């Protein structure tokens, strides 16, 4: 499966009862999470 991504639309792969996000969001909040400056799903 070849995937290309720009932005925060997503592609997931569902396998054996598990859902895994393949793409990475290009968003302010995800950048902050990656830097350890914000918690995912916080207010």
ModelCIF file with pLDDT and N, C-alpha, C, O atoms, coordinates in Angstrom:
data_MODEL
#
_entry.id   MODEL 
#
_entity.id                         1 
_entity.type                       polymer 
_entity.pdbx_number_of_molecules   1 
#
_entity_poly.entity_id                      1 
_entity_poly.type                           'polypeptide(L)' 
_entity_poly.nstd_linkage                   no 
_entity_poly.nstd_monomer                   no 
_entity_poly.pdbx_seq_one_letter_code       
;(UNK)(UNK)(UNK)(UNK)(UNK)(UNK)(UNK)(UNK)(UNK)(UNK)(UNK)(UNK)(UNK)(UNK)(UNK)(UNK)
(UNK)(UNK)(UNK)(UNK)(UNK)(UNK)(UNK)(UNK)(UNK)(UNK)(UNK)(UNK)(UNK)(UNK)(UNK)(UNK)
(UNK)(UNK)(UNK)(UNK)(UNK)(UNK)(UNK)(UNK)(UNK)(UNK)(UNK)
;
_entity_poly.pdbx_seq_one_letter_code_can   XXXXXXXXXXXXXXXXXXXXXXXXXXXXXXXXXXXXXXXXXXX 
_entity_poly.pdbx_strand_id                 A 
#
loop_
_entity_poly_seq.entity_id 
_entity_poly_seq.num 
_entity_poly_seq.mon_id 
_entity_poly_seq.hetero 
1 1  UNK n 
1 2  UNK n 
1 3  UNK n 
1 4  UNK n 
1 5  UNK n 
1 6  UNK n 
1 7  UNK n 
1 8  UNK n 
1 9  UNK n 
1 10 UNK n 
1 11 UNK n 
1 12 UNK n 
1 13 UNK n 
1 14 UNK n 
1 15 UNK n 
1 16 UNK n 
1 17 UNK n 
1 18 UNK n 
1 19 UNK n 
1 20 UNK n 
1 21 UNK n 
1 22 UNK n 
1 23 UNK n 
1 24 UNK n 
1 25 UNK n 
1 26 UNK n 
1 27 UNK n 
1 28 UNK n 
1 29 UNK n 
1 30 UNK n 
1 31 UNK n 
1 32 UNK n 
1 33 UNK n 
1 34 UNK n 
1 35 UNK n 
1 36 UNK n 
1 37 UNK n 
1 38 UNK n 
1 39 UNK n 
1 40 UNK n 
1 41 UNK n 
1 42 UNK n 
1 43 UNK n 
#
_struct_asym.id          A 
_struct_asym.entity_id   1 
#
loop_
_ma_qa_metric.id 
_ma_qa_metric.mode 
_ma_qa_metric.name 
_ma_qa_metric.software_group_id 
_ma_qa_metric.type 
1 global pLDDT . pLDDT 
2 local  pLDDT . pLDDT 
#
_ma_qa_metric_global.metric_id      1 
_ma_qa_metric_global.metric_value   87.84 
_ma_qa_metric_global.model_id       1 
_ma_qa_metric_global.ordinal_id     1 
#
loop_
_ma_qa_metric_local.label_asym_id 
_ma_qa_metric_local.label_comp_id 
_ma_qa_metric_local.label_seq_id 
_ma_qa_metric_local.metric_id 
_ma_qa_metric_local.metric_value 
_ma_qa_metric_local.model_id 
_ma_qa_metric_local.ordinal_id 
A UNK 1  2 97.00 1 1  
A UNK 2  2 98.00 1 2  
A UNK 3  2 98.00 1 3  
A UNK 4  2 98.00 1 4  
A UNK 5  2 98.00 1 5  
A UNK 6  2 97.00 1 6  
A UNK 7  2 96.00 1 7  
A UNK 8  2 94.00 1 8  
A UNK 9  2 97.00 1 9  
A UNK 10 2 97.00 1 10 
A UNK 11 2 98.00 1 11 
A UNK 12 2 98.00 1 12 
A UNK 13 2 98.00 1 13 
A UNK 14 2 98.00 1 14 
A UNK 15 2 97.00 1 15 
A UNK 16 2 94.00 1 16 
A UNK 17 2 96.00 1 17 
A UNK 18 2 97.00 1 18 
A UNK 19 2 98.00 1 19 
A UNK 20 2 97.00 1 20 
A UNK 21 2 97.00 1 21 
A UNK 22 2 98.00 1 22 
A UNK 23 2 97.00 1 23 
A UNK 24 2 93.00 1 24 
A UNK 25 2 92.00 1 25 
A UNK 26 2 84.00 1 26 
A UNK 27 2 77.00 1 27 
A UNK 28 2 77.00 1 28 
A UNK 29 2 75.00 1 29 
A UNK 30 2 74.00 1 30 
A UNK 31 2 77.00 1 31 
A UNK 32 2 80.00 1 32 
A UNK 33 2 72.00 1 33 
A UNK 34 2 76.00 1 34 
A UNK 35 2 79.00 1 35 
A UNK 36 2 80.00 1 36 
A UNK 37 2 73.00 1 37 
A UNK 38 2 76.00 1 38 
A UNK 39 2 77.00 1 39 
A UNK 40 2 70.00 1 40 
A UNK 41 2 68.00 1 41 
A UNK 42 2 72.00 1 42 
A UNK 43 2 72.00 1 43 
#
loop_
_atom_site.group_PDB 
_atom_site.id 
_atom_site.type_symbol 
_atom_site.label_atom_id 
_atom_site.label_alt_id 
_atom_site.label_comp_id 
_atom_site.label_asym_id 
_atom_site.label_entity_id 
_atom_site.label_seq_id 
_atom_site.pdbx_PDB_ins_code 
_atom_site.Cartn_x 
_atom_site.Cartn_y 
_atom_site.Cartn_z 
_atom_site.occupancy 
_atom_site.B_iso_or_equiv 
_atom_site.pdbx_formal_charge 
_atom_site.auth_seq_id 
_atom_site.auth_comp_id 
_atom_site.auth_asym_id 
_atom_site.auth_atom_id 
_atom_site.pdbx_PDB_model_num 
ATOM 1   N N  . UNK A 1 1  ? 0.860  -1.180 0.000  1.00 97.00 ? 1  UNK A N  1 
ATOM 2   C CA . UNK A 1 1  ? 0.000  0.000  0.000  1.00 97.00 ? 1  UNK A CA 1 
ATOM 3   C C  . UNK A 1 1  ? 0.899  1.233  0.000  1.00 97.00 ? 1  UNK A C  1 
ATOM 4   O O  . UNK A 1 1  ? 1.688  1.441  0.921  1.00 97.00 ? 1  UNK A O  1 
ATOM 5   N N  . UNK A 1 2  ? 0.767  2.041  -1.040 1.00 98.00 ? 2  UNK A N  1 
ATOM 6   C CA . UNK A 1 2  ? 1.533  3.284  -1.157 1.00 98.00 ? 2  UNK A CA 1 
ATOM 7   C C  . UNK A 1 2  ? 0.622  4.447  -0.773 1.00 98.00 ? 2  UNK A C  1 
ATOM 8   O O  . UNK A 1 2  ? -0.492 4.568  -1.283 1.00 98.00 ? 2  UNK A O  1 
ATOM 9   N N  . UNK A 1 3  ? 1.104  5.300  0.131  1.00 98.00 ? 3  UNK A N  1 
ATOM 10  C CA . UNK A 1 3  ? 0.288  6.387  0.653  1.00 98.00 ? 3  UNK A CA 1 
ATOM 11  C C  . UNK A 1 3  ? 1.054  7.701  0.578  1.00 98.00 ? 3  UNK A C  1 
ATOM 12  O O  . UNK A 1 3  ? 2.244  7.753  0.889  1.00 98.00 ? 3  UNK A O  1 
ATOM 13  N N  . UNK A 1 4  ? 0.365  8.763  0.164  1.00 98.00 ? 4  UNK A N  1 
ATOM 14  C CA . UNK A 1 4  ? 0.926  10.115 0.172  1.00 98.00 ? 4  UNK A CA 1 
ATOM 15  C C  . UNK A 1 4  ? -0.004 11.000 0.992  1.00 98.00 ? 4  UNK A C  1 
ATOM 16  O O  . UNK A 1 4  ? -1.225 10.856 0.924  1.00 98.00 ? 4  UNK A O  1 
ATOM 17  N N  . UNK A 1 5  ? 0.578  11.920 1.770  1.00 98.00 ? 5  UNK A N  1 
ATOM 18  C CA . UNK A 1 5  ? -0.258 12.726 2.667  1.00 98.00 ? 5  UNK A CA 1 
ATOM 19  C C  . UNK A 1 5  ? 0.276  14.137 2.847  1.00 98.00 ? 5  UNK A C  1 
ATOM 20  O O  . UNK A 1 5  ? 1.475  14.361 3.007  1.00 98.00 ? 5  UNK A O  1 
ATOM 21  N N  . UNK A 1 6  ? -0.675 15.094 2.814  1.00 97.00 ? 6  UNK A N  1 
ATOM 22  C CA . UNK A 1 6  ? -0.405 16.496 3.161  1.00 97.00 ? 6  UNK A CA 1 
ATOM 23  C C  . UNK A 1 6  ? -1.595 16.984 3.970  1.00 97.00 ? 6  UNK A C  1 
ATOM 24  O O  . UNK A 1 6  ? -2.728 16.927 3.492  1.00 97.00 ? 6  UNK A O  1 
ATOM 25  N N  . UNK A 1 7  ? -1.362 17.461 5.184  1.00 96.00 ? 7  UNK A N  1 
ATOM 26  C CA . UNK A 1 7  ? -2.462 17.973 5.999  1.00 96.00 ? 7  UNK A CA 1 
ATOM 27  C C  . UNK A 1 7  ? -2.906 16.989 7.061  1.00 96.00 ? 7  UNK A C  1 
ATOM 28  O O  . UNK A 1 7  ? -2.130 16.143 7.506  1.00 96.00 ? 7  UNK A O  1 
ATOM 29  N N  . UNK A 1 8  ? -4.178 17.108 7.468  1.00 94.00 ? 8  UNK A N  1 
ATOM 30  C CA . UNK A 1 8  ? -4.661 16.261 8.570  1.00 94.00 ? 8  UNK A CA 1 
ATOM 31  C C  . UNK A 1 8  ? -5.765 15.290 8.176  1.00 94.00 ? 8  UNK A C  1 
ATOM 32  O O  . UNK A 1 8  ? -6.400 14.696 9.048  1.00 94.00 ? 8  UNK A O  1 
ATOM 33  N N  . UNK A 1 9  ? -6.007 15.117 6.878  1.00 97.00 ? 9  UNK A N  1 
ATOM 34  C CA . UNK A 1 9  ? -6.853 13.988 6.473  1.00 97.00 ? 9  UNK A CA 1 
ATOM 35  C C  . UNK A 1 9  ? -6.030 12.720 6.697  1.00 97.00 ? 9  UNK A C  1 
ATOM 36  O O  . UNK A 1 9  ? -4.803 12.757 6.612  1.00 97.00 ? 9  UNK A O  1 
ATOM 37  N N  . UNK A 1 10 ? -6.690 11.614 6.978  1.00 97.00 ? 10 UNK A N  1 
ATOM 38  C CA . UNK A 1 10 ? -5.960 10.447 7.472  1.00 97.00 ? 10 UNK A CA 1 
ATOM 39  C C  . UNK A 1 10 ? -6.182 9.174  6.670  1.00 97.00 ? 10 UNK A C  1 
ATOM 40  O O  . UNK A 1 10 ? -7.179 9.021  5.965  1.00 97.00 ? 10 UNK A O  1 
ATOM 41  N N  . UNK A 1 11 ? -5.221 8.267  6.801  1.00 98.00 ? 11 UNK A N  1 
ATOM 42  C CA . UNK A 1 11 ? -5.379 6.897  6.338  1.00 98.00 ? 11 UNK A CA 1 
ATOM 43  C C  . UNK A 1 11 ? -5.050 5.977  7.501  1.00 98.00 ? 11 UNK A C  1 
ATOM 44  O O  . UNK A 1 11 ? -4.004 6.099  8.139  1.00 98.00 ? 11 UNK A O  1 
ATOM 45  N N  . UNK A 1 12 ? -5.977 5.042  7.765  1.00 98.00 ? 12 UNK A N  1 
ATOM 46  C CA . UNK A 1 12 ? -5.799 4.025  8.795  1.00 98.00 ? 12 UNK A CA 1 
ATOM 47  C C  . UNK A 1 12 ? -5.738 2.651  8.127  1.00 98.00 ? 12 UNK A C  1 
ATOM 48  O O  . UNK A 1 12 ? -6.297 2.442  7.050  1.00 98.00 ? 12 UNK A O  1 
ATOM 49  N N  . UNK A 1 13 ? -5.049 1.721  8.786  1.00 98.00 ? 13 UNK A N  1 
ATOM 50  C CA . UNK A 1 13 ? -5.057 0.319  8.371  1.00 98.00 ? 13 UNK A CA 1 
ATOM 51  C C  . UNK A 1 13 ? -5.697 -0.498 9.489  1.00 98.00 ? 13 UNK A C  1 
ATOM 52  O O  . UNK A 1 13 ? -5.257 -0.466 10.638 1.00 98.00 ? 13 UNK A O  1 
ATOM 53  N N  . UNK A 1 14 ? -6.744 -1.229 9.124  1.00 98.00 ? 14 UNK A N  1 
ATOM 54  C CA . UNK A 1 14 ? -7.424 -2.104 10.080 1.00 98.00 ? 14 UNK A CA 1 
ATOM 55  C C  . UNK A 1 14 ? -6.964 -3.533 9.819  1.00 98.00 ? 14 UNK A C  1 
ATOM 56  O O  . UNK A 1 14 ? -7.085 -4.043 8.705  1.00 98.00 ? 14 UNK A O  1 
ATOM 57  N N  . UNK A 1 15 ? -6.432 -4.175 10.867 1.00 97.00 ? 15 UNK A N  1 
ATOM 58  C CA . UNK A 1 15 ? -5.923 -5.546 10.727 1.00 97.00 ? 15 UNK A CA 1 
ATOM 59  C C  . UNK A 1 15 ? -6.127 -6.313 12.043 1.00 97.00 ? 15 UNK A C  1 
ATOM 60  O O  . UNK A 1 15 ? -5.697 -5.878 13.111 1.00 97.00 ? 15 UNK A O  1 
ATOM 61  N N  . UNK A 1 16 ? -6.784 -7.447 11.929 1.00 94.00 ? 16 UNK A N  1 
ATOM 62  C CA . UNK A 1 16 ? -6.939 -8.325 13.086 1.00 94.00 ? 16 UNK A CA 1 
ATOM 63  C C  . UNK A 1 16 ? -7.561 -7.670 14.296 1.00 94.00 ? 16 UNK A C  1 
ATOM 64  O O  . UNK A 1 16 ? -7.138 -7.915 15.426 1.00 94.00 ? 16 UNK A O  1 
ATOM 65  N N  . UNK A 1 17 ? -8.564 -6.837 14.070 1.00 96.00 ? 17 UNK A N  1 
ATOM 66  C CA . UNK A 1 17 ? -9.248 -6.199 15.184 1.00 96.00 ? 17 UNK A CA 1 
ATOM 67  C C  . UNK A 1 17 ? -8.578 -4.949 15.711 1.00 96.00 ? 17 UNK A C  1 
ATOM 68  O O  . UNK A 1 17 ? -9.045 -4.368 16.691 1.00 96.00 ? 17 UNK A O  1 
ATOM 69  N N  . UNK A 1 18 ? -7.479 -4.516 15.077 1.00 97.00 ? 18 UNK A N  1 
ATOM 70  C CA . UNK A 1 18 ? -6.753 -3.322 15.515 1.00 97.00 ? 18 UNK A CA 1 
ATOM 71  C C  . UNK A 1 18 ? -6.748 -2.269 14.410 1.00 97.00 ? 18 UNK A C  1 
ATOM 72  O O  . UNK A 1 18 ? -6.591 -2.590 13.232 1.00 97.00 ? 18 UNK A O  1 
ATOM 73  N N  . UNK A 1 19 ? -6.922 -1.012 14.807 1.00 98.00 ? 19 UNK A N  1 
ATOM 74  C CA . UNK A 1 19 ? -6.887 0.106  13.864 1.00 98.00 ? 19 UNK A CA 1 
ATOM 75  C C  . UNK A 1 19 ? -5.634 0.924  14.127 1.00 98.00 ? 19 UNK A C  1 
ATOM 76  O O  . UNK A 1 19 ? -5.377 1.337  15.258 1.00 98.00 ? 19 UNK A O  1 
ATOM 77  N N  . UNK A 1 20 ? -4.855 1.154  13.074 1.00 97.00 ? 20 UNK A N  1 
ATOM 78  C CA . UNK A 1 20 ? -3.592 1.892  13.229 1.00 97.00 ? 20 UNK A CA 1 
ATOM 79  C C  . UNK A 1 20 ? -3.537 3.046  12.228 1.00 97.00 ? 20 UNK A C  1 
ATOM 80  O O  . UNK A 1 20 ? -3.740 2.852  11.029 1.00 97.00 ? 20 UNK A O  1 
ATOM 81  N N  . UNK A 1 21 ? -3.264 4.231  12.730 1.00 97.00 ? 21 UNK A N  1 
ATOM 82  C CA . UNK A 1 21 ? -3.126 5.385  11.842 1.00 97.00 ? 21 UNK A CA 1 
ATOM 83  C C  . UNK A 1 21 ? -1.770 5.321  11.138 1.00 97.00 ? 21 UNK A C  1 
ATOM 84  O O  . UNK A 1 21 ? -0.726 5.269  11.788 1.00 97.00 ? 21 UNK A O  1 
ATOM 85  N N  . UNK A 1 22 ? -1.796 5.324  9.811  1.00 98.00 ? 22 UNK A N  1 
ATOM 86  C CA . UNK A 1 22 ? -0.561 5.259  9.021  1.00 98.00 ? 22 UNK A CA 1 
ATOM 87  C C  . UNK A 1 22 ? 0.000  6.651  8.775  1.00 98.00 ? 22 UNK A C  1 
ATOM 88  O O  . UNK A 1 22 ? 1.200  6.873  8.933  1.00 98.00 ? 22 UNK A O  1 
ATOM 89  N N  . UNK A 1 23 ? -0.847 7.580  8.394  1.00 97.00 ? 23 UNK A N  1 
ATOM 90  C CA . UNK A 1 23 ? -0.403 8.946  8.125  1.00 97.00 ? 23 UNK A CA 1 
ATOM 91  C C  . UNK A 1 23 ? -0.139 9.689  9.428  1.00 97.00 ? 23 UNK A C  1 
ATOM 92  O O  . UNK A 1 23 ? -0.599 9.282  10.495 1.00 97.00 ? 23 UNK A O  1 
ATOM 93  N N  . UNK A 1 24 ? 0.613  10.790 9.325  1.00 93.00 ? 24 UNK A N  1 
ATOM 94  C CA . UNK A 1 24 ? 0.859  11.666 10.464 1.00 93.00 ? 24 UNK A CA 1 
ATOM 95  C C  . UNK A 1 24 ? 0.243  13.030 10.167 1.00 93.00 ? 24 UNK A C  1 
ATOM 96  O O  . UNK A 1 24 ? 0.479  13.607 9.106  1.00 93.00 ? 24 UNK A O  1 
ATOM 97  N N  . UNK A 1 25 ? -0.539 13.535 11.099 1.00 92.00 ? 25 UNK A N  1 
ATOM 98  C CA . UNK A 1 25 ? -1.196 14.827 10.882 1.00 92.00 ? 25 UNK A CA 1 
ATOM 99  C C  . UNK A 1 25 ? -0.173 15.953 10.808 1.00 92.00 ? 25 UNK A C  1 
ATOM 100 O O  . UNK A 1 25 ? 0.748  16.020 11.622 1.00 92.00 ? 25 UNK A O  1 
ATOM 101 N N  . UNK A 1 26 ? -0.340 16.827 9.838  1.00 84.00 ? 26 UNK A N  1 
ATOM 102 C CA . UNK A 1 26 ? 0.446  18.060 9.774  1.00 84.00 ? 26 UNK A CA 1 
ATOM 103 C C  . UNK A 1 26 ? -0.390 19.145 10.438 1.00 84.00 ? 26 UNK A C  1 
ATOM 104 O O  . UNK A 1 26 ? -1.063 19.930 9.769  1.00 84.00 ? 26 UNK A O  1 
ATOM 105 N N  . UNK A 1 27 ? -0.336 19.175 11.756 1.00 77.00 ? 27 UNK A N  1 
ATOM 106 C CA . UNK A 1 27 ? -1.165 20.105 12.517 1.00 77.00 ? 27 UNK A CA 1 
ATOM 107 C C  . UNK A 1 27 ? -0.357 20.698 13.659 1.00 77.00 ? 27 UNK A C  1 
ATOM 108 O O  . UNK A 1 27 ? 0.629  20.122 14.116 1.00 77.00 ? 27 UNK A O  1 
ATOM 109 N N  . UNK A 1 28 ? -0.798 21.850 14.099 1.00 77.00 ? 28 UNK A N  1 
ATOM 110 C CA . UNK A 1 28 ? -0.130 22.549 15.199 1.00 77.00 ? 28 UNK A CA 1 
ATOM 111 C C  . UNK A 1 28 ? -0.080 21.676 16.456 1.00 77.00 ? 28 UNK A C  1 
ATOM 112 O O  . UNK A 1 28 ? 0.952  21.583 17.120 1.00 77.00 ? 28 UNK A O  1 
ATOM 113 N N  . UNK A 1 29 ? -1.208 21.042 16.768 1.00 75.00 ? 29 UNK A N  1 
ATOM 114 C CA . UNK A 1 29 ? -1.261 20.267 18.018 1.00 75.00 ? 29 UNK A CA 1 
ATOM 115 C C  . UNK A 1 29 ? -0.349 19.043 17.978 1.00 75.00 ? 29 UNK A C  1 
ATOM 116 O O  . UNK A 1 29 ? 0.264  18.692 18.986 1.00 75.00 ? 29 UNK A O  1 
ATOM 117 N N  . UNK A 1 30 ? -0.259 18.394 16.823 1.00 74.00 ? 30 UNK A N  1 
ATOM 118 C CA . UNK A 1 30 ? 0.614  17.223 16.727 1.00 74.00 ? 30 UNK A CA 1 
ATOM 119 C C  . UNK A 1 30 ? 2.080  17.623 16.816 1.00 74.00 ? 30 UNK A C  1 
ATOM 120 O O  . UNK A 1 30 ? 2.899  16.877 17.352 1.00 74.00 ? 30 UNK A O  1 
ATOM 121 N N  . UNK A 1 31 ? 2.408  18.792 16.294 1.00 77.00 ? 31 UNK A N  1 
ATOM 122 C CA . UNK A 1 31 ? 3.783  19.288 16.425 1.00 77.00 ? 31 UNK A CA 1 
ATOM 123 C C  . UNK A 1 31 ? 4.110  19.572 17.893 1.00 77.00 ? 31 UNK A C  1 
ATOM 124 O O  . UNK A 1 31 ? 5.212  19.290 18.363 1.00 77.00 ? 31 UNK A O  1 
ATOM 125 N N  . UNK A 1 32 ? 3.132  20.133 18.606 1.00 80.00 ? 32 UNK A N  1 
ATOM 126 C CA . UNK A 1 32 ? 3.325  20.406 20.033 1.00 80.00 ? 32 UNK A CA 1 
ATOM 127 C C  . UNK A 1 32 ? 3.460  19.111 20.835 1.00 80.00 ? 32 UNK A C  1 
ATOM 128 O O  . UNK A 1 32 ? 4.272  19.028 21.757 1.00 80.00 ? 32 UNK A O  1 
ATOM 129 N N  . UNK A 1 33 ? 2.663  18.105 20.480 1.00 72.00 ? 33 UNK A N  1 
ATOM 130 C CA . UNK A 1 33 ? 2.747  16.797 21.144 1.00 72.00 ? 33 UNK A CA 1 
ATOM 131 C C  . UNK A 1 33 ? 4.130  16.191 20.918 1.00 72.00 ? 33 UNK A C  1 
ATOM 132 O O  . UNK A 1 33 ? 4.746  15.669 21.848 1.00 72.00 ? 33 UNK A O  1 
ATOM 133 N N  . UNK A 1 34 ? 4.618  16.264 19.667 1.00 76.00 ? 34 UNK A N  1 
ATOM 134 C CA . UNK A 1 34 ? 5.934  15.706 19.326 1.00 76.00 ? 34 UNK A CA 1 
ATOM 135 C C  . UNK A 1 34 ? 7.057  16.384 20.111 1.00 76.00 ? 34 UNK A C  1 
ATOM 136 O O  . UNK A 1 34 ? 8.066  15.755 20.429 1.00 76.00 ? 34 UNK A O  1 
ATOM 137 N N  . UNK A 1 35 ? 6.876  17.673 20.423 1.00 79.00 ? 35 UNK A N  1 
ATOM 138 C CA . UNK A 1 35 ? 7.884  18.422 21.183 1.00 79.00 ? 35 UNK A CA 1 
ATOM 139 C C  . UNK A 1 35 ? 7.717  18.255 22.691 1.00 79.00 ? 35 UNK A C  1 
ATOM 140 O O  . UNK A 1 35 ? 8.520  18.768 23.471 1.00 79.00 ? 35 UNK A O  1 
ATOM 141 N N  . UNK A 1 36 ? 6.671  17.536 23.098 1.00 80.00 ? 36 UNK A N  1 
ATOM 142 C CA . UNK A 1 36 ? 6.416  17.344 24.511 1.00 80.00 ? 36 UNK A CA 1 
ATOM 143 C C  . UNK A 1 36 ? 5.797  18.556 25.185 1.00 80.00 ? 36 UNK A C  1 
ATOM 144 O O  . UNK A 1 36 ? 5.841  18.675 26.409 1.00 80.00 ? 36 UNK A O  1 
ATOM 145 N N  . UNK A 1 37 ? 5.214  19.463 24.390 1.00 73.00 ? 37 UNK A N  1 
ATOM 146 C CA . UNK A 1 37 ? 4.658  20.702 24.927 1.00 73.00 ? 37 UNK A CA 1 
ATOM 147 C C  . UNK A 1 37 ? 3.138  20.681 25.036 1.00 73.00 ? 37 UNK A C  1 
ATOM 148 O O  . UNK A 1 37 ? 2.529  21.677 25.426 1.00 73.00 ? 37 UNK A O  1 
ATOM 149 N N  . UNK A 1 38 ? 2.529  19.560 24.695 1.00 76.00 ? 38 UNK A N  1 
ATOM 150 C CA . UNK A 1 38 ? 1.076  19.452 24.781 1.00 76.00 ? 38 UNK A CA 1 
ATOM 151 C C  . UNK A 1 38 ? 0.695  17.984 24.903 1.00 76.00 ? 38 UNK A C  1 
ATOM 152 O O  . UNK A 1 38 ? 1.352  17.113 24.335 1.00 76.00 ? 38 UNK A O  1 
ATOM 153 N N  . UNK A 1 39 ? -0.359 17.722 25.639 1.00 77.00 ? 39 UNK A N  1 
ATOM 154 C CA . UNK A 1 39 ? -0.851 16.343 25.762 1.00 77.00 ? 39 UNK A CA 1 
ATOM 155 C C  . UNK A 1 39 ? -1.970 16.106 24.761 1.00 77.00 ? 39 UNK A C  1 
ATOM 156 O O  . UNK A 1 39 ? -2.883 16.920 24.622 1.00 77.00 ? 39 UNK A O  1 
ATOM 157 N N  . UNK A 1 40 ? -1.883 14.969 24.063 1.00 70.00 ? 40 UNK A N  1 
ATOM 158 C CA . UNK A 1 40 ? -2.923 14.630 23.096 1.00 70.00 ? 40 UNK A CA 1 
ATOM 159 C C  . UNK A 1 40 ? -4.269 14.495 23.816 1.00 70.00 ? 40 UNK A C  1 
ATOM 160 O O  . UNK A 1 40 ? -4.363 13.887 24.882 1.00 70.00 ? 40 UNK A O  1 
ATOM 161 N N  . UNK A 1 41 ? -5.298 15.074 23.211 1.00 68.00 ? 41 UNK A N  1 
ATOM 162 C CA . UNK A 1 41 ? -6.689 15.050 23.717 1.00 68.00 ? 41 UNK A CA 1 
ATOM 163 C C  . UNK A 1 41 ? -6.899 15.912 24.971 1.00 68.00 ? 41 UNK A C  1 
ATOM 164 O O  . UNK A 1 41 ? -7.938 15.805 25.622 1.00 68.00 ? 41 UNK A O  1 
ATOM 165 N N  . UNK A 1 42 ? -5.936 16.753 25.310 1.00 72.00 ? 42 UNK A N  1 
ATOM 166 C CA . UNK A 1 42 ? -6.132 17.714 26.392 1.00 72.00 ? 42 UNK A CA 1 
ATOM 167 C C  . UNK A 1 42 ? -7.075 18.815 25.910 1.00 72.00 ? 42 UNK A C  1 
ATOM 168 O O  . UNK A 1 42 ? -7.437 18.861 24.735 1.00 72.00 ? 42 UNK A O  1 
ATOM 169 N N  . UNK A 1 43 ? -7.466 19.693 26.819 1.00 72.00 ? 43 UNK A N  1 
ATOM 170 C CA . UNK A 1 43 ? -8.354 20.804 26.448 1.00 72.00 ? 43 UNK A CA 1 
ATOM 171 C C  . UNK A 1 43 ? -7.704 21.697 25.403 1.00 72.00 ? 43 UNK A C  1 
ATOM 172 O O  . UNK A 1 43 ? -8.306 22.681 24.972 1.00 72.00 ? 43 UNK A O  1 
#
